[in-house]
């Protein structure tokens, strides 16, 4: 049985991740349990973006990723997303995950650079299956980046 752990505030001294929600799994939709964080500048309450981590693996994760993030436009260009990914990986390790997947659209150069800065490797670029929610919303391909946590 899955149990959330006490990861309500994580930091690297420059940015902090403050938990906003812990969402249980939804087997019907294929959603895994997730931690959702607000990214803030350390020692402040200034929100600069968000990041979430989904715990576990299934087909949805392969195409949608374990980690999702977004940085407010005025704070982009400071590597905050890759720093947040490095911070949040400790949650995956605590849940005994051996790898993390982050996906993005092939034309999303900023997100691809974020994955590479965080230490992920491009595994492949795949066509989304027609039954996938993202395909039904008009997306067609995803870059699959993988992060082996034991390395």
N, C-alpha and C. Protein backbone atom coordinates (compact mmCIF):
# COMPACT_ATOMS: atom_id res chain seq x y z
N UNK A 1 0.85 -1.19 0.00
CA UNK A 1 0.00 0.00 0.00
C UNK A 1 0.89 1.25 0.00
N UNK A 2 0.58 2.16 -0.89
CA UNK A 2 1.38 3.38 -1.01
C UNK A 2 1.12 4.33 0.16
N UNK A 3 2.21 4.91 0.67
CA UNK A 3 2.09 5.95 1.70
C UNK A 3 2.96 7.14 1.32
N UNK A 4 2.36 8.34 1.40
CA UNK A 4 3.13 9.55 1.17
C UNK A 4 4.13 9.72 2.31
N UNK A 5 5.28 10.29 1.99
CA UNK A 5 6.31 10.55 2.98
C UNK A 5 6.33 12.05 3.30
N UNK A 6 7.08 12.40 4.33
CA UNK A 6 7.14 13.80 4.79
C UNK A 6 8.20 14.57 4.00
N UNK A 7 7.81 14.98 2.81
CA UNK A 7 8.66 15.81 1.96
C UNK A 7 7.92 17.11 1.67
N UNK A 8 7.55 17.83 2.73
CA UNK A 8 6.73 19.02 2.56
C UNK A 8 7.54 20.26 2.18
N UNK A 9 8.83 20.26 2.50
CA UNK A 9 9.69 21.39 2.13
C UNK A 9 11.07 20.84 1.80
N UNK A 10 11.51 21.10 0.57
CA UNK A 10 12.82 20.66 0.09
C UNK A 10 13.57 21.88 -0.41
N UNK A 11 14.90 21.91 -0.24
CA UNK A 11 15.65 23.08 -0.70
C UNK A 11 17.09 22.72 -1.06
N UNK A 12 17.67 23.56 -1.90
CA UNK A 12 19.10 23.48 -2.19
C UNK A 12 19.81 24.75 -1.72
N UNK A 13 19.10 25.61 -1.00
CA UNK A 13 19.67 26.86 -0.52
C UNK A 13 19.45 28.03 -1.47
N UNK A 14 19.08 27.75 -2.73
CA UNK A 14 18.77 28.81 -3.69
C UNK A 14 17.27 28.86 -3.98
N UNK A 15 16.70 27.66 -4.20
CA UNK A 15 15.26 27.56 -4.38
C UNK A 15 14.72 26.52 -3.40
N UNK A 16 13.44 26.60 -3.13
CA UNK A 16 12.78 25.64 -2.26
C UNK A 16 11.53 25.11 -2.95
N UNK A 17 11.19 23.87 -2.63
CA UNK A 17 9.97 23.25 -3.12
C UNK A 17 9.05 23.09 -1.92
N UNK A 18 7.89 23.74 -2.00
CA UNK A 18 6.92 23.71 -0.91
C UNK A 18 5.70 22.93 -1.37
N UNK A 19 5.39 21.84 -0.66
CA UNK A 19 4.29 20.97 -1.10
C UNK A 19 2.97 21.73 -1.11
N UNK A 20 2.22 21.54 -2.18
CA UNK A 20 0.89 22.13 -2.29
C UNK A 20 -0.19 21.07 -2.21
N UNK A 21 0.14 19.86 -2.66
CA UNK A 21 -0.86 18.81 -2.71
C UNK A 21 -0.18 17.45 -2.78
N UNK A 22 -0.82 16.47 -2.22
CA UNK A 22 -0.42 15.07 -2.37
C UNK A 22 -1.65 14.36 -2.92
N UNK A 23 -1.56 13.94 -4.17
CA UNK A 23 -2.72 13.38 -4.86
C UNK A 23 -2.62 11.86 -4.91
N UNK A 24 -3.63 11.17 -4.39
CA UNK A 24 -3.60 9.70 -4.45
C UNK A 24 -3.76 9.20 -5.89
N UNK A 25 -3.47 7.92 -6.08
CA UNK A 25 -3.61 7.33 -7.41
C UNK A 25 -5.09 7.28 -7.82
N UNK A 26 -5.30 7.18 -9.12
CA UNK A 26 -6.63 7.00 -9.69
C UNK A 26 -6.49 5.86 -10.70
N UNK A 27 -6.77 4.64 -10.23
CA UNK A 27 -6.57 3.46 -11.07
C UNK A 27 -7.39 3.50 -12.35
N UNK A 28 -8.59 4.04 -12.27
CA UNK A 28 -9.47 4.10 -13.44
C UNK A 28 -8.83 4.90 -14.58
N UNK A 29 -8.18 6.00 -14.23
CA UNK A 29 -7.54 6.84 -15.25
C UNK A 29 -6.07 6.49 -15.48
N UNK A 30 -5.54 5.60 -14.64
CA UNK A 30 -4.13 5.24 -14.79
C UNK A 30 -3.19 6.29 -14.21
N UNK A 31 -3.68 7.09 -13.26
CA UNK A 31 -2.87 8.13 -12.63
C UNK A 31 -2.20 7.55 -11.38
N UNK A 32 -0.94 7.83 -11.22
CA UNK A 32 -0.17 7.38 -10.06
C UNK A 32 -0.19 8.44 -8.97
N UNK A 33 0.14 8.06 -7.72
CA UNK A 33 0.19 9.06 -6.65
C UNK A 33 1.24 10.13 -6.98
N UNK A 34 0.97 11.38 -6.58
CA UNK A 34 1.84 12.48 -6.96
C UNK A 34 1.99 13.50 -5.84
N UNK A 35 3.17 14.08 -5.79
CA UNK A 35 3.46 15.23 -4.94
C UNK A 35 3.48 16.44 -5.87
N UNK A 36 2.80 17.51 -5.49
CA UNK A 36 2.80 18.75 -6.28
C UNK A 36 3.39 19.86 -5.42
N UNK A 37 4.38 20.55 -5.99
CA UNK A 37 5.11 21.58 -5.26
C UNK A 37 5.05 22.93 -5.96
N UNK A 38 5.09 23.97 -5.14
CA UNK A 38 5.34 25.32 -5.63
C UNK A 38 6.85 25.53 -5.51
N UNK A 39 7.47 26.07 -6.55
CA UNK A 39 8.89 26.41 -6.50
C UNK A 39 8.98 27.87 -6.06
N UNK A 40 9.71 28.10 -4.98
CA UNK A 40 9.86 29.46 -4.46
C UNK A 40 11.34 29.80 -4.32
N UNK A 41 11.65 31.09 -4.38
CA UNK A 41 13.02 31.52 -4.07
C UNK A 41 13.25 31.24 -2.59
N UNK A 42 14.40 30.68 -2.27
CA UNK A 42 14.69 30.28 -0.89
C UNK A 42 14.57 31.47 0.06
N UNK A 43 14.04 31.20 1.25
CA UNK A 43 13.84 32.20 2.29
C UNK A 43 12.91 33.33 1.84
N UNK A 44 11.97 32.99 0.96
CA UNK A 44 10.98 33.99 0.54
C UNK A 44 9.68 33.26 0.30
N UNK A 45 8.69 33.98 -0.10
CA UNK A 45 7.43 33.36 -0.50
C UNK A 45 7.14 33.68 -1.95
N UNK A 46 8.19 34.06 -2.69
CA UNK A 46 8.03 34.43 -4.10
C UNK A 46 7.96 33.16 -4.94
N UNK A 47 6.78 32.91 -5.51
CA UNK A 47 6.59 31.73 -6.35
C UNK A 47 7.18 31.98 -7.73
N UNK A 48 8.02 31.05 -8.18
CA UNK A 48 8.64 31.18 -9.50
C UNK A 48 8.19 30.08 -10.46
N UNK A 49 7.41 29.12 -9.95
CA UNK A 49 6.94 28.04 -10.82
C UNK A 49 6.38 26.89 -10.01
N UNK A 50 6.31 25.73 -10.67
CA UNK A 50 5.79 24.54 -10.01
C UNK A 50 6.47 23.30 -10.56
N UNK A 51 6.42 22.24 -9.77
CA UNK A 51 6.97 20.95 -10.20
C UNK A 51 6.17 19.86 -9.50
N UNK A 52 5.97 18.76 -10.19
CA UNK A 52 5.33 17.62 -9.54
C UNK A 52 6.08 16.36 -9.89
N UNK A 53 5.92 15.36 -9.03
CA UNK A 53 6.53 14.06 -9.25
C UNK A 53 5.49 12.99 -9.02
N UNK A 54 5.37 12.11 -10.01
CA UNK A 54 4.45 10.99 -9.95
C UNK A 54 5.26 9.74 -9.58
N UNK A 55 4.78 9.00 -8.58
CA UNK A 55 5.55 7.89 -8.03
C UNK A 55 5.11 6.57 -8.64
N UNK A 56 6.05 5.91 -9.30
CA UNK A 56 5.79 4.61 -9.91
C UNK A 56 5.91 4.66 -11.42
N UNK A 57 5.50 3.56 -12.05
CA UNK A 57 5.65 3.43 -13.50
C UNK A 57 4.41 2.78 -14.09
N UNK A 58 3.99 3.27 -15.24
CA UNK A 58 2.95 2.64 -16.05
C UNK A 58 3.03 3.26 -17.45
N UNK A 59 2.12 2.91 -18.32
CA UNK A 59 2.17 3.44 -19.69
C UNK A 59 2.01 4.96 -19.71
N UNK A 60 1.12 5.49 -18.87
CA UNK A 60 0.95 6.95 -18.82
C UNK A 60 2.26 7.65 -18.47
N UNK A 61 3.02 7.08 -17.55
CA UNK A 61 4.29 7.68 -17.14
C UNK A 61 5.29 7.63 -18.28
N UNK A 62 5.30 6.54 -19.05
CA UNK A 62 6.27 6.45 -20.14
C UNK A 62 6.08 7.62 -21.12
N UNK A 63 4.85 7.97 -21.40
CA UNK A 63 4.58 9.05 -22.35
C UNK A 63 4.46 10.42 -21.70
N UNK A 64 4.05 10.47 -20.43
CA UNK A 64 3.83 11.74 -19.74
C UNK A 64 4.90 12.12 -18.74
N UNK A 65 5.71 11.14 -18.32
CA UNK A 65 6.83 11.41 -17.42
C UNK A 65 6.48 11.32 -15.94
N UNK A 66 7.51 11.07 -15.14
CA UNK A 66 7.36 11.10 -13.68
C UNK A 66 7.37 12.52 -13.16
N UNK A 67 8.06 13.42 -13.86
CA UNK A 67 8.21 14.80 -13.40
C UNK A 67 7.63 15.74 -14.45
N UNK A 68 6.89 16.73 -13.95
CA UNK A 68 6.41 17.82 -14.79
C UNK A 68 6.76 19.13 -14.11
N UNK A 69 7.09 20.15 -14.89
CA UNK A 69 7.49 21.43 -14.29
C UNK A 69 7.10 22.59 -15.19
N UNK A 70 7.07 23.75 -14.58
CA UNK A 70 6.83 24.99 -15.31
C UNK A 70 7.42 26.15 -14.52
N UNK A 71 8.09 27.04 -15.20
CA UNK A 71 8.72 28.21 -14.56
C UNK A 71 8.05 29.46 -15.13
N UNK A 72 7.70 30.38 -14.23
CA UNK A 72 7.10 31.65 -14.67
C UNK A 72 8.05 32.35 -15.65
N UNK A 73 7.49 32.95 -16.67
CA UNK A 73 8.28 33.54 -17.75
C UNK A 73 9.39 34.47 -17.25
N UNK A 74 9.09 35.32 -16.28
CA UNK A 74 10.09 36.30 -15.83
C UNK A 74 11.26 35.66 -15.07
N UNK A 75 11.14 34.37 -14.72
CA UNK A 75 12.22 33.68 -13.99
C UNK A 75 12.95 32.65 -14.85
N UNK A 76 12.57 32.53 -16.11
CA UNK A 76 13.22 31.57 -16.99
C UNK A 76 14.65 32.01 -17.30
N UNK A 77 15.47 31.04 -17.66
CA UNK A 77 16.85 31.33 -18.02
C UNK A 77 17.82 31.26 -16.85
N UNK A 78 17.34 30.81 -15.69
CA UNK A 78 18.19 30.71 -14.50
C UNK A 78 18.42 29.26 -14.06
N UNK A 79 18.04 28.31 -14.90
CA UNK A 79 18.18 26.87 -14.61
C UNK A 79 17.36 26.42 -13.41
N UNK A 80 16.31 27.16 -13.06
CA UNK A 80 15.50 26.79 -11.91
C UNK A 80 14.80 25.44 -12.10
N UNK A 81 14.35 25.13 -13.31
CA UNK A 81 13.67 23.85 -13.54
C UNK A 81 14.62 22.68 -13.34
N UNK A 82 15.84 22.77 -13.88
CA UNK A 82 16.77 21.66 -13.70
C UNK A 82 17.20 21.54 -12.24
N UNK A 83 17.33 22.66 -11.54
CA UNK A 83 17.66 22.63 -10.12
C UNK A 83 16.53 21.98 -9.32
N UNK A 84 15.29 22.31 -9.67
CA UNK A 84 14.14 21.72 -8.99
C UNK A 84 14.08 20.21 -9.23
N UNK A 85 14.42 19.78 -10.45
CA UNK A 85 14.46 18.34 -10.75
C UNK A 85 15.50 17.64 -9.87
N UNK A 86 16.65 18.25 -9.72
CA UNK A 86 17.71 17.65 -8.89
C UNK A 86 17.27 17.56 -7.43
N UNK A 87 16.52 18.54 -6.96
CA UNK A 87 16.03 18.52 -5.58
C UNK A 87 14.97 17.42 -5.41
N UNK A 88 14.06 17.33 -6.36
CA UNK A 88 12.91 16.43 -6.19
C UNK A 88 13.28 14.96 -6.36
N UNK A 89 14.43 14.68 -6.94
CA UNK A 89 14.81 13.28 -7.14
C UNK A 89 14.91 12.53 -5.82
N UNK A 90 15.19 13.24 -4.71
CA UNK A 90 15.27 12.57 -3.41
C UNK A 90 13.94 11.94 -3.01
N UNK A 91 12.84 12.49 -3.49
CA UNK A 91 11.52 11.91 -3.22
C UNK A 91 11.43 10.54 -3.91
N UNK A 92 11.88 10.49 -5.15
CA UNK A 92 11.86 9.22 -5.90
C UNK A 92 12.74 8.18 -5.22
N UNK A 93 13.92 8.60 -4.80
CA UNK A 93 14.84 7.67 -4.13
C UNK A 93 14.22 7.14 -2.84
N UNK A 94 13.57 8.01 -2.07
CA UNK A 94 12.92 7.58 -0.83
C UNK A 94 11.80 6.57 -1.09
N UNK A 95 11.20 6.64 -2.28
CA UNK A 95 10.15 5.69 -2.65
C UNK A 95 10.73 4.49 -3.42
N UNK A 96 12.05 4.35 -3.35
CA UNK A 96 12.78 3.21 -3.93
C UNK A 96 12.58 3.08 -5.44
N UNK A 97 12.46 4.21 -6.12
CA UNK A 97 12.41 4.20 -7.57
C UNK A 97 13.84 4.11 -8.09
N UNK A 98 14.03 3.41 -9.21
CA UNK A 98 15.37 3.25 -9.75
C UNK A 98 15.65 4.16 -10.95
N UNK A 99 14.60 4.79 -11.45
CA UNK A 99 14.76 5.72 -12.57
C UNK A 99 13.61 6.71 -12.59
N UNK A 100 13.83 7.80 -13.30
CA UNK A 100 12.78 8.80 -13.52
C UNK A 100 12.70 9.08 -15.01
N UNK A 101 11.50 9.37 -15.47
CA UNK A 101 11.28 9.74 -16.87
C UNK A 101 10.71 11.14 -16.90
N UNK A 102 11.26 11.94 -17.79
CA UNK A 102 10.69 13.26 -18.10
C UNK A 102 10.49 13.28 -19.61
N UNK A 103 9.33 13.74 -20.02
CA UNK A 103 9.04 13.82 -21.45
C UNK A 103 8.75 15.26 -21.84
N UNK A 104 8.94 15.54 -23.12
CA UNK A 104 8.59 16.86 -23.66
C UNK A 104 8.37 16.72 -25.16
N UNK A 105 7.78 17.73 -25.73
CA UNK A 105 7.59 17.74 -27.17
C UNK A 105 8.94 17.96 -27.84
N UNK A 106 9.18 17.32 -29.00
CA UNK A 106 10.47 17.46 -29.68
C UNK A 106 10.87 18.90 -29.99
N UNK A 107 9.89 19.79 -30.19
CA UNK A 107 10.22 21.18 -30.52
C UNK A 107 10.38 22.07 -29.29
N UNK A 108 10.28 21.50 -28.09
CA UNK A 108 10.43 22.28 -26.86
C UNK A 108 11.91 22.27 -26.45
N UNK A 109 12.67 23.12 -27.09
CA UNK A 109 14.13 23.16 -26.89
C UNK A 109 14.48 23.50 -25.44
N UNK A 110 13.75 24.41 -24.81
CA UNK A 110 14.04 24.79 -23.42
C UNK A 110 13.89 23.59 -22.50
N UNK A 111 12.83 22.82 -22.67
CA UNK A 111 12.62 21.66 -21.81
C UNK A 111 13.66 20.57 -22.09
N UNK A 112 14.05 20.43 -23.33
CA UNK A 112 15.09 19.45 -23.66
C UNK A 112 16.41 19.83 -22.98
N UNK A 113 16.73 21.11 -22.99
CA UNK A 113 17.96 21.58 -22.31
C UNK A 113 17.86 21.37 -20.81
N UNK A 114 16.67 21.59 -20.24
CA UNK A 114 16.46 21.37 -18.81
C UNK A 114 16.76 19.91 -18.46
N UNK A 115 16.23 18.99 -19.24
CA UNK A 115 16.47 17.57 -18.99
C UNK A 115 17.97 17.26 -19.04
N UNK A 116 18.65 17.78 -20.04
CA UNK A 116 20.08 17.52 -20.18
C UNK A 116 20.88 18.13 -19.03
N UNK A 117 20.53 19.36 -18.61
CA UNK A 117 21.22 20.00 -17.48
C UNK A 117 21.03 19.22 -16.19
N UNK A 118 19.84 18.62 -16.03
CA UNK A 118 19.55 17.86 -14.81
C UNK A 118 20.27 16.51 -14.80
N UNK A 119 20.74 16.06 -15.96
CA UNK A 119 21.48 14.81 -16.02
C UNK A 119 20.74 13.66 -16.68
N UNK A 120 19.62 13.94 -17.32
CA UNK A 120 18.88 12.89 -18.00
C UNK A 120 19.45 12.65 -19.39
N UNK A 121 19.22 11.46 -19.90
CA UNK A 121 19.68 11.08 -21.24
C UNK A 121 18.46 10.84 -22.12
N UNK A 122 18.54 11.31 -23.37
CA UNK A 122 17.47 11.07 -24.32
C UNK A 122 17.47 9.59 -24.68
N UNK A 123 16.37 8.92 -24.37
CA UNK A 123 16.24 7.49 -24.67
C UNK A 123 15.73 7.30 -26.09
N UNK A 124 14.66 8.05 -26.44
CA UNK A 124 14.09 7.94 -27.78
C UNK A 124 13.05 9.04 -28.00
N UNK A 125 12.68 9.24 -29.24
CA UNK A 125 11.55 10.09 -29.61
C UNK A 125 10.50 9.14 -30.15
N UNK A 126 9.31 9.18 -29.54
CA UNK A 126 8.26 8.21 -29.89
C UNK A 126 7.01 8.90 -30.40
N UNK A 127 6.28 8.16 -31.24
CA UNK A 127 4.94 8.58 -31.64
C UNK A 127 3.99 8.19 -30.52
N UNK A 128 3.10 9.10 -30.14
CA UNK A 128 2.11 8.79 -29.12
C UNK A 128 1.07 7.83 -29.68
N UNK A 129 0.65 6.84 -28.88
CA UNK A 129 -0.44 5.96 -29.35
C UNK A 129 -1.75 6.74 -29.40
N UNK A 130 -2.62 6.36 -30.31
CA UNK A 130 -3.86 7.09 -30.52
C UNK A 130 -4.77 7.10 -29.30
N UNK A 131 -4.67 6.10 -28.42
CA UNK A 131 -5.53 6.05 -27.23
C UNK A 131 -5.03 6.98 -26.11
N UNK A 132 -3.84 7.52 -26.25
CA UNK A 132 -3.26 8.38 -25.21
C UNK A 132 -3.98 9.73 -25.15
N UNK A 133 -4.18 10.24 -23.91
CA UNK A 133 -4.87 11.53 -23.72
C UNK A 133 -4.17 12.66 -24.47
N UNK A 134 -2.84 12.67 -24.44
CA UNK A 134 -2.10 13.76 -25.11
C UNK A 134 -2.30 13.70 -26.62
N UNK A 135 -2.38 12.50 -27.19
CA UNK A 135 -2.66 12.35 -28.62
C UNK A 135 -4.04 12.93 -28.92
N UNK A 136 -5.00 12.61 -28.06
CA UNK A 136 -6.36 13.09 -28.28
C UNK A 136 -6.47 14.60 -28.14
N UNK A 137 -5.48 15.22 -27.46
CA UNK A 137 -5.44 16.68 -27.33
C UNK A 137 -4.61 17.33 -28.44
N UNK A 138 -4.14 16.52 -29.40
CA UNK A 138 -3.46 17.07 -30.56
C UNK A 138 -1.95 16.86 -30.61
N UNK A 139 -1.36 16.32 -29.55
CA UNK A 139 0.08 16.07 -29.57
C UNK A 139 0.36 14.77 -30.31
N UNK A 140 1.54 14.68 -30.93
CA UNK A 140 1.83 13.49 -31.73
C UNK A 140 3.11 12.78 -31.32
N UNK A 141 4.09 13.49 -30.79
CA UNK A 141 5.36 12.86 -30.43
C UNK A 141 5.85 13.35 -29.08
N UNK A 142 6.70 12.53 -28.45
CA UNK A 142 7.34 12.91 -27.19
C UNK A 142 8.80 12.47 -27.21
N UNK A 143 9.64 13.32 -26.67
CA UNK A 143 11.01 12.93 -26.36
C UNK A 143 10.95 12.25 -24.99
N UNK A 144 11.53 11.07 -24.90
CA UNK A 144 11.56 10.33 -23.64
C UNK A 144 12.97 10.46 -23.07
N UNK A 145 13.09 11.18 -21.96
CA UNK A 145 14.37 11.31 -21.26
C UNK A 145 14.33 10.43 -20.02
N UNK A 146 15.45 9.78 -19.74
CA UNK A 146 15.52 8.85 -18.63
C UNK A 146 16.68 9.22 -17.70
N UNK A 147 16.43 9.07 -16.43
CA UNK A 147 17.40 9.37 -15.39
C UNK A 147 17.55 8.13 -14.52
N UNK A 148 18.67 7.45 -14.63
CA UNK A 148 18.94 6.28 -13.80
C UNK A 148 19.44 6.80 -12.45
N UNK A 149 18.72 6.48 -11.38
CA UNK A 149 18.99 7.10 -10.08
C UNK A 149 20.16 6.49 -9.34
N UNK A 150 20.55 5.28 -9.65
CA UNK A 150 21.67 4.66 -8.95
C UNK A 150 23.04 5.08 -9.48
N UNK A 151 23.05 5.88 -10.53
CA UNK A 151 24.34 6.28 -11.14
C UNK A 151 24.90 7.53 -10.53
